[in-house]
Protein backbone atom coordinates (compact mmCIF):
# COMPACT_ATOMS: atom_id res chain seq x y z
CA MET A 1 15.15 19.14 238.14
CA GLU A 2 13.03 18.32 241.22
CA TYR A 3 12.17 14.65 241.83
CA GLU A 4 8.44 14.88 241.03
CA LEU A 5 9.10 16.19 237.51
CA ASN A 6 12.38 14.55 236.45
CA LYS A 7 11.41 10.99 235.50
CA SER A 8 11.30 11.66 231.69
CA LYS A 9 14.51 13.65 231.97
CA ALA A 10 16.18 10.74 233.77
CA VAL A 11 15.14 8.27 231.04
CA GLU A 12 16.30 10.61 228.39
CA LEU A 13 19.79 10.97 229.88
CA LEU A 14 20.09 7.25 230.45
CA GLU A 15 19.20 6.54 226.81
CA LYS A 16 21.96 8.99 225.75
CA GLU A 17 24.41 7.47 228.22
CA TYR A 18 23.87 3.77 227.25
CA THR A 19 22.48 4.35 223.71
CA LYS A 20 18.89 3.61 222.96
CA ASP A 21 19.43 0.05 221.76
CA VAL A 22 21.52 -0.96 224.78
CA TRP A 23 19.00 0.71 227.16
CA ASN A 24 16.11 -1.15 225.61
CA SER A 25 17.94 -4.45 226.07
CA PHE A 26 18.00 -4.00 229.89
CA PRO A 27 15.46 -5.91 231.94
CA GLN A 28 12.80 -3.72 233.47
CA LEU A 29 14.04 -4.28 237.00
CA ALA A 30 17.45 -2.94 236.05
CA LYS A 31 15.86 0.00 234.25
CA ASN A 32 13.80 0.86 237.36
CA GLY A 33 16.95 0.89 239.59
CA LEU A 34 18.94 3.06 237.18
CA ILE A 35 16.02 5.47 236.70
CA GLU A 36 15.58 5.88 240.42
CA PHE A 37 19.31 6.48 240.91
CA LYS A 38 19.37 9.10 238.09
CA ARG A 39 16.24 10.80 239.46
CA GLN A 40 17.85 11.18 242.87
CA GLU A 41 21.02 12.48 241.25
CA LEU A 42 19.06 15.04 239.27
CA ASN A 43 17.15 16.13 242.36
CA THR A 44 20.30 16.58 244.38
CA GLU A 45 21.82 18.64 241.59
CA TRP A 46 18.68 20.75 241.39
CA ARG A 47 18.62 21.45 245.16
CA SER A 48 22.32 22.28 245.15
CA ASN A 49 21.89 24.79 242.32
CA ASN A 50 18.86 26.42 243.90
CA LEU A 51 20.53 26.69 247.30
CA SER A 52 23.53 28.50 245.82
CA ARG A 53 21.11 30.92 244.13
CA HIS A 54 19.18 31.16 247.41
CA TYR A 55 22.27 32.29 249.33
CA GLU A 56 23.08 34.86 246.68
CA ARG A 57 19.55 36.26 246.88
CA MET A 58 19.81 36.35 250.66
CA ARG A 59 22.98 38.44 250.35
CA ARG A 60 21.18 40.82 247.97
CA ALA A 61 18.18 40.97 250.29
CA GLU A 62 20.49 41.94 253.20
CA GLU A 63 21.92 44.76 251.08
CA GLN A 64 18.41 45.93 250.25
CA ALA A 65 17.49 45.80 253.94
CA GLU A 66 20.46 48.00 254.87
CA ARG A 67 19.39 50.52 252.17
CA MET A 68 15.86 50.59 253.58
CA LEU A 69 17.12 51.16 257.08
CA GLU A 70 19.18 54.11 255.85
CA ASP A 71 16.13 55.56 254.14
CA GLU A 72 14.21 55.44 257.42
CA LYS A 73 10.83 54.93 255.77
CA PRO A 74 8.24 54.13 258.45
CA GLU A 75 5.92 52.31 256.07
CA ARG A 76 8.74 49.92 255.07
CA VAL A 77 9.25 48.08 258.27
CA GLY A 78 10.57 44.69 259.39
CA TYR A 79 14.24 44.80 258.39
CA LEU A 80 15.64 44.72 261.88
CA LYS A 81 18.97 43.47 263.18
CA SER A 82 17.37 40.62 265.21
CA TYR A 83 14.51 38.28 264.39
CA HIS A 84 11.23 40.19 264.89
CA ARG A 85 7.75 39.87 263.47
CA PHE A 86 6.77 43.54 263.10
CA LYS A 87 3.34 44.27 264.52
CA SER A 88 2.67 47.96 264.32
CA VAL A 89 3.95 51.40 263.35
CA SER A 90 3.52 54.13 265.99
CA LEU A 91 2.76 57.76 265.30
CA GLY A 92 2.23 60.30 268.07
CA PHE A 93 3.53 62.96 270.42
CA HIS A 94 3.90 63.75 274.10
CA GLU A 95 3.95 67.03 276.14
CA ASP A 96 5.38 67.79 279.56
CA SER A 97 3.58 69.92 282.05
CA LEU A 98 6.90 71.47 283.16
CA LEU A 99 6.85 73.48 279.88
CA LEU A 100 3.48 75.11 280.59
CA ASN A 101 3.25 78.81 281.51
CA GLN A 102 0.08 78.28 283.47
CA PRO A 103 -0.17 74.69 284.67
CA GLU A 104 -2.76 73.24 286.95
CA LEU A 105 -1.48 72.51 290.46
CA LEU A 106 -2.90 69.48 292.28
CA VAL A 107 -2.43 67.73 295.65
CA ASP A 108 -1.28 70.81 297.56
CA ASN A 109 0.88 71.96 294.64
CA ARG A 110 2.78 68.63 294.63
CA ILE A 111 1.70 67.70 291.11
CA ILE A 112 2.02 69.99 288.12
CA SER A 113 -0.55 69.08 285.58
CA PHE A 114 -2.36 70.22 282.42
CA PRO A 115 -5.49 72.40 282.52
CA LYS A 116 -8.20 70.69 280.46
CA SER A 117 -8.21 73.61 278.10
CA THR A 118 -4.56 72.89 277.15
CA ILE A 119 -5.38 69.29 276.15
CA ILE A 120 -8.42 70.55 274.23
CA SER A 121 -6.11 72.94 272.35
CA MET A 122 -4.06 69.88 271.19
CA LYS A 123 -7.16 68.36 269.51
CA GLU A 124 -6.08 69.42 266.00
CA ARG A 125 -2.70 67.65 266.49
CA MET A 126 -4.55 64.53 267.66
CA ILE A 127 -6.91 64.64 264.59
CA GLU A 128 -3.89 65.12 262.29
CA THR A 129 -2.09 62.11 263.88
CA ILE A 130 -5.22 59.89 263.65
CA THR A 131 -5.83 60.90 260.02
CA ASP A 132 -2.17 60.19 259.18
CA ALA A 133 -2.40 56.70 260.68
CA GLU A 134 -5.64 55.95 258.97
CA SER A 135 -4.26 57.11 255.59
CA PHE A 136 -2.27 53.95 255.04
CA THR A 137 -4.28 51.57 252.80
CA ASP A 138 -1.90 48.62 252.81
CA VAL A 139 -2.75 47.60 256.41
CA GLU A 140 -3.76 44.44 258.21
CA ARG A 141 -6.41 46.04 260.35
CA ASP A 142 -7.81 49.47 261.22
CA ALA A 143 -5.60 52.02 262.96
CA ASN A 144 -6.34 52.69 266.60
CA SER A 145 -5.40 55.64 268.82
CA TYR A 146 -5.17 56.19 272.58
CA MET A 147 -3.91 58.74 275.14
CA TYR A 148 -3.00 58.77 278.82
CA PHE A 149 -1.37 60.75 281.58
CA ARG A 150 1.71 59.70 283.52
CA VAL A 151 3.12 61.49 286.60
CA PHE A 152 6.82 61.46 287.29
CA THR A 153 8.50 62.13 290.62
CA ASN A 154 12.22 62.80 290.44
CA GLY A 155 12.22 61.26 286.94
CA ILE A 156 10.52 58.01 288.11
CA SER A 157 6.91 57.09 287.14
CA SER A 158 4.70 57.35 290.26
CA LEU A 159 1.20 57.49 288.85
CA SER A 160 -0.54 56.68 285.55
CA THR A 161 -4.00 56.67 284.14
CA ARG A 162 -5.26 53.78 281.99
CA SER A 163 -5.12 54.31 278.23
CA ILE A 164 -8.21 55.95 276.81
CA SER A 165 -9.18 55.06 273.26
CA VAL A 166 -9.62 57.99 270.89
CA ARG A 167 -11.81 58.19 267.78
CA LEU A 168 -12.34 61.12 265.43
CA SER A 169 -16.07 61.01 266.01
CA THR A 170 -15.88 61.03 269.83
CA ILE A 171 -12.67 62.94 270.52
CA ASP A 172 -14.27 65.45 272.86
CA ASN A 173 -15.92 62.79 274.90
CA ASP A 174 -12.67 60.85 274.98
CA ILE A 175 -10.88 63.88 276.45
CA ASP A 176 -13.63 64.09 279.11
CA LYS A 177 -13.03 60.35 279.94
CA LEU A 178 -9.25 60.96 280.24
CA TYR A 179 -9.86 63.75 282.79
CA THR A 180 -12.40 61.72 284.76
CA GLU A 181 -9.81 58.91 284.97
CA PHE A 182 -7.06 61.32 285.91
CA TYR A 183 -9.02 63.11 288.64
CA ASN A 184 -10.06 59.73 290.07
CA GLN A 185 -6.35 58.85 290.33
CA ILE A 186 -5.63 62.22 292.00
CA GLU A 187 -8.38 61.43 294.61
CA ARG A 188 -6.62 58.15 295.30
CA VAL A 189 -3.34 59.99 295.89
CA LYS A 190 -5.06 62.30 298.40
CA ASN A 191 -6.87 59.45 300.21
CA LEU A 192 -4.04 56.91 300.19
CA GLN A 193 -0.99 59.02 300.96
CA GLY A 194 0.95 55.95 302.16
CA GLY A 195 0.55 54.29 298.81
CA TYR A 196 2.05 57.28 297.06
CA GLU A 197 4.95 58.01 299.33
CA PRO A 198 7.35 59.28 296.56
CA ILE A 199 4.95 62.15 295.80
CA TYR A 200 4.81 63.21 299.45
CA SER A 201 8.40 62.46 300.51
CA THR A 202 10.12 64.99 298.31
CA ASP A 203 10.28 68.75 298.25
CA LYS A 204 10.18 68.76 294.49
CA SER A 205 6.93 68.83 292.59
CA SER A 206 5.95 65.94 290.32
CA ASN A 207 5.34 66.67 286.63
CA THR A 208 2.66 65.21 284.38
CA VAL A 209 3.34 64.04 280.82
CA PHE A 210 0.53 63.71 278.27
CA TYR A 211 0.98 60.88 275.72
CA PHE A 212 -0.97 60.50 272.48
CA THR A 213 -0.35 57.53 270.13
CA SER A 214 -1.86 56.21 266.86
CA LEU A 215 -0.98 52.80 265.61
CA TYR A 216 -1.40 51.22 262.17
CA TYR A 217 -0.61 47.66 261.24
CA PRO A 218 1.19 46.82 257.98
CA LYS A 219 -0.20 43.85 256.04
CA PRO A 220 2.40 41.02 255.91
CA LYS A 221 1.61 40.12 252.29
CA SER A 222 4.96 41.50 251.17
CA VAL A 223 8.45 40.41 252.05
CA LEU A 224 9.04 44.04 252.99
CA PHE A 225 7.09 43.26 256.18
CA TRP A 226 8.48 39.84 256.96
CA GLY A 227 11.83 40.58 258.51
CA ASP A 228 15.31 40.16 257.17
CA ASP A 229 15.83 36.45 257.94
CA ILE A 230 13.09 34.91 255.71
CA PRO A 231 15.05 32.46 253.40
CA THR A 232 14.21 31.97 249.74
CA ILE A 233 13.47 28.29 250.43
CA ILE A 234 11.69 27.25 253.63
CA PHE A 235 12.15 23.47 254.05
CA ARG A 236 9.29 21.42 255.43
CA GLU A 237 8.73 17.65 255.86
CA SER A 238 5.99 17.27 253.23
CA PHE A 239 7.00 20.09 250.88
CA ASP A 240 9.33 23.09 250.57
CA VAL A 241 8.09 26.68 250.37
CA PHE A 242 9.62 29.04 247.82
CA THR A 243 9.13 32.63 249.02
CA ALA A 244 10.29 34.54 245.91
CA ASN A 245 11.77 37.26 248.13
CA ASP A 246 14.09 38.96 245.67
CA LEU A 247 12.94 42.55 245.61
CA ASP A 248 14.52 43.27 242.25
CA ILE A 249 12.86 40.46 240.19
CA ASN A 250 9.19 39.90 239.34
CA CYS A 251 7.89 37.09 241.59
CA ILE A 252 6.44 35.14 238.59
CA THR A 253 9.87 35.23 236.98
CA GLN A 254 11.47 34.06 240.23
CA CYS A 255 9.03 31.13 240.41
CA SER A 256 9.56 30.01 236.84
CA ASP A 257 13.33 30.26 237.21
CA PHE A 258 13.11 28.30 240.44
CA LEU A 259 11.12 25.52 238.72
CA GLU A 260 13.53 25.34 235.85
CA SER A 261 16.79 27.33 235.71
CA GLY A 262 16.72 29.96 233.01
CA LEU A 263 12.94 29.75 232.40
CA GLU A 264 11.38 33.21 232.26
CA CYS A 265 7.60 33.27 232.41
CA ASN A 266 5.45 36.40 232.73
CA SER A 267 2.27 34.87 234.11
CA LEU A 268 1.04 31.86 236.08
CA GLN A 269 -0.69 30.60 232.93
CA GLU A 270 2.60 30.50 231.07
CA ILE A 271 4.07 28.39 233.85
CA TYR A 272 1.01 25.98 233.77
CA ASN A 273 1.36 25.72 230.01
CA TYR A 274 5.08 25.12 230.05
CA PHE A 275 4.79 22.28 232.56
CA ASP A 276 1.68 20.91 230.87
CA ASN A 277 -0.60 21.81 233.80
CA LYS A 278 1.44 19.65 236.22
CA ILE A 279 1.92 22.56 238.57
CA ILE A 280 -0.80 22.88 241.20
């Protein structure tokens, strides 16, 4: 039992060890020393028992993580091989102008690009992606979406627009903004040829890739989103934190068992009652 709660238990064990009459004959100073020693002994035993269970739960958590990775469920993120605080889940698509039957040719046919009508025709795909990202209710903050063009010359990025935010209510205007940004970049290529030498120094045309991405942010209230290296007990100077991270056991049951081995409570109130409201 932990130190803060084990005084009465220590006295009970000492009375059994010495018999009650002998114990009562000890001077108070001797009693205090024996009680303190027994309390430390009980606390050490309690920590040792909980650590062994902690390591067993870590092993089971790792097995669960491997199963989740095999399932490849995008909404269950965070169980990665290395330490990583997961920030977002990405949904989206990209298209290459090299696959177009009727591309738009720019800068003296050096850049193969998308006619605006082609991007407009992708609007339903954009809406579907945004709606999909916004459908997740267990999120930390609102989903956000963006799009941009990137030009590649011989497989190397030679030009890119800034990212343009996309919203369902303004998607047509957002496409207009993207093309305004893109054509401004094309004018820079024309006016500053020396700054874009890769585009001018090859006989091959550069291709344009359109990127569209929607991000949503899982809420880290569950251990499913914390990563695979969060221990059951996090030790701190002033107090230790019990994370109750066993996915197969109710967290209330884990907490009650952690406080006293074998105790199975079904609610916080049961825990309060059992420990006579000494739990804060």
